[in-house]
Amino acid sequence: MFFILSKLLIFFIFPIMWIIVLLLFACFAKHKRHRRVAIIASIFLLLFFSDPFLLNQFAKYWDIQTITLKKHNYSCALILGGYINEDNSGHGFLNAASDRFIQGIKLKENGTVGHLLFTGGSANLVPDKFNFTEGNWIRSEMRNYNIADSALLFEKKSRNTIENIQFSKQILEAKHLPPPYLLITSGFHMRRALLICKKANLDVVPYPCNFFAGKGIFTFADFIPSAQTLSDWNIYIKELIGYVVTFVKS
């Protein structure tokens, strides 16, 4: 039920929806003062959430930054899903979060980890006719890499981060792989993922990647409104709300 509600309500947390609602209110409001307030508020929200400088400042605080690993022989790296999309033919392809996949491969190749655990099923609200899951696609994709099958683990049932962690813990315990494990996910997603791991009593070391905000050099362009920044705020607001819900949820 929680999974279904999260999918249905997600669009109402995005700034663009708040702006649209305010503009619609301004169109139909009977009082001139109410219309003026709604228009001013919508303009303020548009300027605020399209400003790259403000997003970068928030990202510098929110993102979990890269750390120096204390050792170089972890038993397993847990790679959270979300870096694969499905096309109209039921085939997968790497999306903008593919650095999660890339960093996992690099860590295995340089000997930092002994195993790779790829976790992710289907996040679709309604199952599709292709029965596509991230785990199945990754299993097929990994045939292109020179990594022994015995070093690869796949979790294919999870639909969100909570289930990513829950089902992966079961696999790790069944394989008797000793903690701590490297946790690989995007910098913006790591804070919530670590909280979920803590609640699940899963001992992990963060290995963030896929930074797209808060890392660049400060320039004048950071004050120019950007449609991409407005879109990027969707990700951070979703993570912030998800973190709060995870924190208060028993």
Protein backbone atom coordinates (compact mmCIF):
# COMPACT_ATOMS: atom_id res chain seq x y z
CA MET A 1 0.00 0.00 0.00
CA PHE A 2 2.84 2.39 0.90
CA PHE A 3 4.50 1.66 -2.46
CA ILE A 4 1.30 2.46 -4.38
CA LEU A 5 0.68 5.70 -2.47
CA SER A 6 4.28 6.83 -3.00
CA LYS A 7 3.88 6.40 -6.77
CA LEU A 8 0.51 8.16 -6.94
CA LEU A 9 1.41 11.15 -4.76
CA ILE A 10 4.95 11.81 -5.99
CA PHE A 11 3.93 14.36 -8.65
CA PHE A 12 2.36 16.64 -6.02
CA ILE A 13 5.69 17.22 -4.26
CA PHE A 14 7.41 18.78 -7.27
CA PRO A 15 7.84 22.60 -7.42
CA ILE A 16 6.47 22.81 -10.95
CA MET A 17 3.14 21.45 -9.66
CA TRP A 18 3.06 24.09 -6.92
CA ILE A 19 3.64 26.79 -9.53
CA ILE A 20 0.91 25.43 -11.80
CA VAL A 21 -1.58 25.26 -8.92
CA LEU A 22 -0.84 28.87 -7.96
CA LEU A 23 -1.27 30.07 -11.53
CA LEU A 24 -4.55 28.18 -11.87
CA PHE A 25 -5.71 29.73 -8.61
CA ALA A 26 -4.78 33.17 -9.95
CA CYS A 27 -6.85 32.53 -13.09
CA PHE A 28 -10.00 31.64 -11.18
CA ALA A 29 -9.68 33.70 -7.98
CA LYS A 30 -12.45 36.27 -7.59
CA HIS A 31 -10.51 38.79 -5.56
CA LYS A 32 -7.81 40.87 -7.19
CA ARG A 33 -5.61 40.73 -4.07
CA HIS A 34 -5.71 36.92 -4.04
CA ARG A 35 -4.75 36.80 -7.72
CA ARG A 36 -1.84 39.17 -7.14
CA VAL A 37 -0.53 37.15 -4.19
CA ALA A 38 -0.78 33.88 -6.16
CA ILE A 39 1.08 35.32 -9.14
CA ILE A 40 3.84 36.80 -6.96
CA ALA A 41 4.20 33.50 -5.08
CA SER A 42 4.41 31.51 -8.33
CA ILE A 43 7.09 33.86 -9.69
CA PHE A 44 9.08 33.58 -6.46
CA LEU A 45 8.92 29.76 -6.54
CA LEU A 46 9.95 29.70 -10.19
CA LEU A 47 12.97 31.94 -9.60
CA PHE A 48 13.97 30.14 -6.39
CA PHE A 49 13.80 26.58 -7.73
CA SER A 50 15.40 27.43 -11.09
CA ASP A 51 18.46 29.09 -9.53
CA PRO A 52 21.51 26.78 -9.87
CA PHE A 53 23.36 28.57 -7.06
CA LEU A 54 20.70 27.72 -4.47
CA LEU A 55 20.50 24.10 -5.60
CA ASN A 56 24.29 23.73 -5.45
CA GLN A 57 24.39 25.14 -1.92
CA PHE A 58 21.75 22.68 -0.78
CA ALA A 59 23.52 19.81 -2.54
CA LYS A 60 26.80 20.61 -0.79
CA TYR A 61 25.03 20.08 2.51
CA TRP A 62 22.79 17.17 1.53
CA ASP A 63 25.04 14.97 -0.61
CA ILE A 64 27.26 12.45 1.13
CA GLN A 65 30.74 13.28 -0.11
CA THR A 66 33.40 10.86 -1.29
CA ILE A 67 35.46 9.33 1.51
CA THR A 68 38.81 7.56 1.65
CA LEU A 69 38.30 3.84 2.21
CA LYS A 70 39.97 2.50 5.36
CA LYS A 71 40.69 -0.87 3.82
CA HIS A 72 40.83 -2.44 0.37
CA ASN A 73 39.30 -5.88 0.72
CA TYR A 74 35.57 -5.62 1.31
CA SER A 75 33.63 -8.84 0.87
CA CYS A 76 30.89 -7.24 -1.22
CA ALA A 77 29.69 -4.02 -2.80
CA LEU A 78 25.94 -3.43 -2.69
CA ILE A 79 24.90 -1.49 -5.80
CA LEU A 80 21.46 0.06 -5.42
CA GLY A 81 19.17 0.05 -8.44
CA GLY A 82 17.73 3.01 -10.31
CA TYR A 83 20.32 3.33 -13.09
CA ILE A 84 18.44 1.34 -15.73
CA ASN A 85 15.45 2.32 -17.85
CA GLU A 86 13.26 0.20 -20.06
CA ASP A 87 12.43 1.02 -23.68
CA ASN A 88 9.18 0.29 -25.54
CA SER A 89 10.47 -3.11 -26.61
CA GLY A 90 11.25 -4.31 -23.10
CA HIS A 91 15.01 -3.82 -23.44
CA GLY A 92 17.08 -2.07 -20.79
CA PHE A 93 19.59 0.74 -21.11
CA LEU A 94 21.77 2.67 -18.67
CA ASN A 95 20.42 6.07 -17.66
CA ALA A 96 21.97 9.18 -16.07
CA ALA A 97 22.65 7.32 -12.82
CA SER A 98 24.85 4.72 -14.57
CA ASP A 99 27.87 5.80 -12.52
CA ARG A 100 26.57 3.44 -9.82
CA PHE A 101 27.11 0.54 -12.22
CA ILE A 102 30.45 1.88 -13.46
CA GLN A 103 31.90 2.38 -9.97
CA GLY A 104 30.88 -1.14 -8.97
CA ILE A 105 32.72 -2.63 -11.94
CA LYS A 106 35.83 -0.54 -11.18
CA LEU A 107 35.89 -1.63 -7.55
CA LYS A 108 35.72 -5.27 -8.58
CA GLU A 109 38.38 -4.86 -11.24
CA ASN A 110 40.88 -3.19 -8.88
CA GLY A 111 40.34 -5.78 -6.16
CA THR A 112 38.64 -3.52 -3.60
CA VAL A 113 35.64 -5.86 -3.32
CA GLY A 114 35.26 -9.60 -3.70
CA HIS A 115 31.62 -9.68 -4.77
CA LEU A 116 29.10 -7.40 -6.46
CA LEU A 117 25.46 -7.48 -5.39
CA PHE A 118 23.16 -5.81 -7.91
CA THR A 119 19.78 -5.04 -6.39
CA GLY A 120 16.66 -3.91 -8.21
CA GLY A 121 13.44 -5.34 -9.57
CA SER A 122 10.73 -3.25 -11.23
CA ALA A 123 9.51 0.08 -9.88
CA ASN A 124 6.53 0.17 -12.25
CA LEU A 125 3.18 0.61 -10.54
CA VAL A 126 1.57 -1.73 -13.08
CA PRO A 127 3.67 -4.73 -14.22
CA ASP A 128 4.47 -4.59 -17.94
CA LYS A 129 4.05 -7.36 -20.45
CA PHE A 130 7.83 -7.87 -20.75
CA ASN A 131 8.29 -8.68 -17.04
CA PHE A 132 11.35 -6.43 -17.08
CA THR A 133 13.49 -6.21 -13.93
CA GLU A 134 16.80 -4.48 -13.35
CA GLY A 135 18.27 -7.65 -11.90
CA ASN A 136 17.48 -9.72 -14.98
CA TRP A 137 18.93 -7.08 -17.30
CA ILE A 138 22.12 -6.75 -15.24
CA ARG A 139 22.59 -10.52 -15.14
CA SER A 140 22.49 -10.56 -18.93
CA GLU A 141 24.71 -7.47 -19.25
CA MET A 142 27.41 -8.86 -16.97
CA ARG A 143 28.15 -11.60 -19.49
CA ASN A 144 30.07 -8.91 -21.38
CA TYR A 145 32.55 -8.49 -18.51
CA ASN A 146 35.36 -10.75 -17.43
CA ILE A 147 34.05 -11.32 -13.92
CA ALA A 148 33.45 -14.81 -12.53
CA ASP A 149 29.82 -15.77 -12.02
CA SER A 150 30.68 -16.79 -8.46
CA ALA A 151 31.50 -13.14 -7.65
CA LEU A 152 28.14 -11.83 -8.88
CA LEU A 153 24.93 -11.70 -6.84
CA PHE A 154 21.54 -10.50 -8.04
CA GLU A 155 18.44 -9.37 -6.21
CA LYS A 156 15.43 -9.03 -8.53
CA LYS A 157 12.33 -8.56 -6.36
CA SER A 158 12.73 -5.10 -4.81
CA ARG A 159 10.69 -2.09 -5.94
CA ASN A 160 12.25 0.68 -3.86
CA THR A 161 15.26 1.45 -1.66
CA ILE A 162 13.73 -0.07 1.47
CA GLU A 163 13.24 -3.36 -0.33
CA ASN A 164 16.68 -3.04 -1.94
CA ILE A 165 18.23 -3.12 1.51
CA GLN A 166 15.85 -5.65 3.02
CA PHE A 167 16.23 -8.29 0.31
CA SER A 168 19.96 -7.67 -0.14
CA LYS A 169 20.57 -8.26 3.55
CA GLN A 170 18.93 -11.66 3.23
CA ILE A 171 21.23 -12.57 0.33
CA LEU A 172 24.37 -11.35 2.10
CA GLU A 173 23.55 -13.31 5.23
CA ALA A 174 22.71 -16.43 3.23
CA LYS A 175 26.09 -16.20 1.47
CA HIS A 176 27.86 -15.65 4.82
CA LEU A 177 29.75 -12.63 3.49
CA PRO A 178 31.21 -10.65 6.40
CA PRO A 179 30.40 -6.96 6.90
CA PRO A 180 30.99 -4.13 6.45
CA TYR A 181 29.85 -3.84 2.85
CA LEU A 182 30.42 -1.00 0.43
CA LEU A 183 27.17 0.78 -0.38
CA ILE A 184 27.18 2.30 -3.86
CA THR A 185 24.57 4.84 -4.88
CA SER A 186 24.27 8.45 -6.02
CA GLY A 187 25.47 11.19 -3.68
CA PHE A 188 21.98 12.70 -3.41
CA HIS A 189 20.49 9.29 -2.54
CA MET A 190 23.14 8.12 -0.08
CA ARG A 191 21.85 9.95 3.01
CA ARG A 192 18.46 8.22 2.86
CA ALA A 193 20.03 4.88 1.91
CA LEU A 194 22.34 5.00 4.94
CA LEU A 195 19.40 5.69 7.24
CA ILE A 196 17.54 2.70 5.82
CA CYS A 197 20.63 0.51 6.32
CA LYS A 198 20.92 1.72 9.91
CA LYS A 199 17.30 0.82 10.63
CA ALA A 200 17.86 -2.59 8.99
CA ASN A 201 21.03 -3.20 11.05
CA LEU A 202 23.09 -3.58 7.88
CA ASP A 203 26.71 -2.52 8.39
CA VAL A 204 27.81 -0.53 5.34
CA VAL A 205 30.46 1.97 4.27
CA PRO A 206 29.18 4.71 1.93
CA TYR A 207 30.69 4.93 -1.53
CA PRO A 208 28.78 7.78 -3.21
CA CYS A 209 28.99 8.57 -6.90
CA ASN A 210 26.99 10.24 -9.70
CA PHE A 211 27.29 13.79 -8.35
CA PHE A 212 25.43 16.29 -10.52
CA ALA A 213 25.06 19.27 -8.18
CA GLY A 214 27.24 21.04 -5.64
CA LYS A 215 30.53 19.93 -7.20
CA GLY A 216 31.19 22.56 -9.83
CA ILE A 217 33.21 25.78 -9.61
CA PHE A 218 31.18 28.86 -8.67
CA THR A 219 30.48 31.02 -11.75
CA PHE A 220 28.16 33.84 -12.80
CA ALA A 221 26.07 31.29 -14.70
CA ASP A 222 24.96 29.86 -11.36
CA PHE A 223 22.60 32.81 -11.00
CA ILE A 224 20.92 32.34 -14.38
CA PRO A 225 17.57 30.52 -14.07
CA SER A 226 17.71 27.02 -15.53
CA ALA A 227 14.94 24.59 -16.47
CA GLN A 228 17.33 21.73 -15.63
CA THR A 229 17.75 23.06 -12.10
CA LEU A 230 13.97 23.15 -11.68
CA SER A 231 13.93 19.49 -12.68
CA ASP A 232 16.87 18.57 -10.43
CA TRP A 233 15.07 19.98 -7.40
CA ASN A 234 12.47 17.23 -7.92
CA ILE A 235 15.12 14.66 -7.01
CA TYR A 236 16.25 16.44 -3.87
CA ILE A 237 12.74 17.17 -2.60
CA LYS A 238 11.82 13.53 -3.15
CA GLU A 239 14.91 12.46 -1.18
CA LEU A 240 14.24 14.94 1.62
CA ILE A 241 10.64 13.78 2.05
CA GLY A 242 11.72 10.14 1.80
CA TYR A 243 14.34 10.71 4.49
CA VAL A 244 11.82 12.28 6.86
CA VAL A 245 9.30 9.48 6.27
CA THR A 246 12.02 6.86 6.87
CA PHE A 247 13.18 8.66 10.02
CA VAL A 248 9.75 8.77 11.66
CA LYS A 249 8.61 5.38 10.41
CA SER A 250 9.08 2.58 12.92
